[in-house]
Amino acid sequence: MPTKAPVTPLAERVLDAETRAGQWLADGNQAQEAGRTVKAERCFQKAQFWLDRANLLSGRAERPAPAN
């Protein structure tokens, strides 16, 4: 009988999303300081995606968080 991979705990998924958002924000700031505005904007978009994901998982979004 096939087994499912263990589900990552919700708290760990929130922390991962916050960490990724912070890293993308740092990368965007670094690119902006270097004058690479296109790359900076892309990094800021990715940071926003991960911040939205963290907010969703932690229940701070407009829609309810997933069950697990």
C-alpha atoms as a PDB file:
ATOM      1  CA  MET A   1       0.000   0.000   0.000  1.00  0.00           C
ATOM      2  CA  PRO A   2       1.581   3.351  -1.015  1.00  0.00           C
ATOM      3  CA  THR A   3       2.233   5.789   1.774  1.00  0.00           C
ATOM      4  CA  LYS A   4       1.927   9.539   1.614  1.00  0.00           C
ATOM      5  CA  ALA A   5       4.834  11.795   2.419  1.00  0.00           C
ATOM      6  CA  PRO A   6       4.544  13.340   5.869  1.00  0.00           C
ATOM      7  CA  VAL A   7       2.763  16.672   5.914  1.00  0.00           C
ATOM      8  CA  THR A   8       4.921  19.608   6.954  1.00  0.00           C
ATOM      9  CA  PRO A   9       3.486  21.204  10.107  1.00  0.00           C
ATOM     10  CA  LEU A  10       1.628  24.468   9.557  1.00  0.00           C
ATOM     11  CA  ALA A  11       3.947  26.464  11.828  1.00  0.00           C
ATOM     12  CA  GLU A  12       6.947  25.282   9.814  1.00  0.00           C
ATOM     13  CA  ARG A  13       5.267  26.274   6.541  1.00  0.00           C
ATOM     14  CA  VAL A  14       4.523  29.768   7.925  1.00  0.00           C
ATOM     15  CA  LEU A  15       8.128  30.194   9.029  1.00  0.00           C
ATOM     16  CA  ASP A  16       9.391  29.005   5.644  1.00  0.00           C
ATOM     17  CA  ALA A  17       7.170  31.481   3.782  1.00  0.00           C
ATOM     18  CA  GLU A  18       8.275  34.361   6.047  1.00  0.00           C
ATOM     19  CA  THR A  19      11.926  33.411   5.552  1.00  0.00           C
ATOM     20  CA  ARG A  20      11.549  33.288   1.780  1.00  0.00           C
ATOM     21  CA  ALA A  21       9.759  36.658   1.766  1.00  0.00           C
ATOM     22  CA  GLY A  22      12.573  38.206   3.770  1.00  0.00           C
ATOM     23  CA  GLN A  23      15.235  36.800   1.465  1.00  0.00           C
ATOM     24  CA  TRP A  24      13.473  38.026  -1.671  1.00  0.00           C
ATOM     25  CA  LEU A  25      13.039  41.452  -0.083  1.00  0.00           C
ATOM     26  CA  ALA A  26      16.748  41.585   0.753  1.00  0.00           C
ATOM     27  CA  ASP A  27      17.634  40.538  -2.796  1.00  0.00           C
ATOM     28  CA  GLY A  28      15.318  43.221  -4.185  1.00  0.00           C
ATOM     29  CA  ASN A  29      16.852  45.911  -1.996  1.00  0.00           C
ATOM     30  CA  GLN A  30      20.323  44.848  -3.058  1.00  0.00           C
ATOM     31  CA  ALA A  31      19.356  44.936  -6.740  1.00  0.00           C
ATOM     32  CA  GLN A  32      17.737  48.354  -6.316  1.00  0.00           C
ATOM     33  CA  GLU A  33      20.857  49.751  -4.676  1.00  0.00           C
ATOM     34  CA  ALA A  34      22.893  48.424  -7.599  1.00  0.00           C
ATOM     35  CA  GLY A  35      20.562  50.192 -10.056  1.00  0.00           C
ATOM     36  CA  ARG A  36      19.006  47.013 -11.433  1.00  0.00           C
ATOM     37  CA  THR A  37      15.400  48.155 -11.244  1.00  0.00           C
ATOM     38  CA  VAL A  38      13.895  45.372 -13.365  1.00  0.00           C
ATOM     39  CA  LYS A  39      15.471  42.663 -11.215  1.00  0.00           C
ATOM     40  CA  ALA A  40      14.522  44.565  -8.066  1.00  0.00           C
ATOM     41  CA  GLU A  41      10.881  44.755  -9.130  1.00  0.00           C
ATOM     42  CA  ARG A  42      10.810  41.016  -9.851  1.00  0.00           C
ATOM     43  CA  CYS A  43      12.312  40.284  -6.435  1.00  0.00           C
ATOM     44  CA  PHE A  44       9.752  42.543  -4.765  1.00  0.00           C
ATOM     45  CA  GLN A  45       6.950  40.685  -6.558  1.00  0.00           C
ATOM     46  CA  LYS A  46       8.276  37.368  -5.275  1.00  0.00           C
ATOM     47  CA  ALA A  47       8.647  38.787  -1.767  1.00  0.00           C
ATOM     48  CA  GLN A  48       5.012  39.907  -1.875  1.00  0.00           C
ATOM     49  CA  PHE A  49       3.913  36.450  -3.021  1.00  0.00           C
ATOM     50  CA  TRP A  50       5.660  34.799  -0.074  1.00  0.00           C
ATOM     51  CA  LEU A  51       4.403  37.410   2.385  1.00  0.00           C
ATOM     52  CA  ASP A  52       0.843  36.822   1.157  1.00  0.00           C
ATOM     53  CA  ARG A  53       1.410  33.082   1.541  1.00  0.00           C
ATOM     54  CA  ALA A  54       2.676  33.520   5.111  1.00  0.00           C
ATOM     55  CA  ASN A  55      -0.334  35.682   5.950  1.00  0.00           C
ATOM     56  CA  LEU A  56      -2.686  33.087   4.484  1.00  0.00           C
ATOM     57  CA  LEU A  57      -1.110  30.229   6.399  1.00  0.00           C
ATOM     58  CA  SER A  58      -1.092  32.131   9.682  1.00  0.00           C
ATOM     59  CA  GLY A  59      -4.729  33.223   9.384  1.00  0.00           C
ATOM     60  CA  ARG A  60      -3.981  36.907   8.785  1.00  0.00           C
ATOM     61  CA  ALA A  61      -5.467  36.893   5.270  1.00  0.00           C
ATOM     62  CA  GLU A  62      -8.991  37.654   4.074  1.00  0.00           C
ATOM     63  CA  ARG A  63      -9.684  33.989   3.313  1.00  0.00           C
ATOM     64  CA  PRO A  64      -9.361  31.098   5.779  1.00  0.00           C
ATOM     65  CA  ALA A  65      -6.120  29.177   6.223  1.00  0.00           C
ATOM     66  CA  PRO A  66      -5.822  25.615   4.903  1.00  0.00           C
ATOM     67  CA  ALA A  67      -6.778  22.754   7.221  1.00  0.00           C
ATOM     68  CA  ASN A  68      -3.225  21.421   7.709  1.00  0.00           C
END
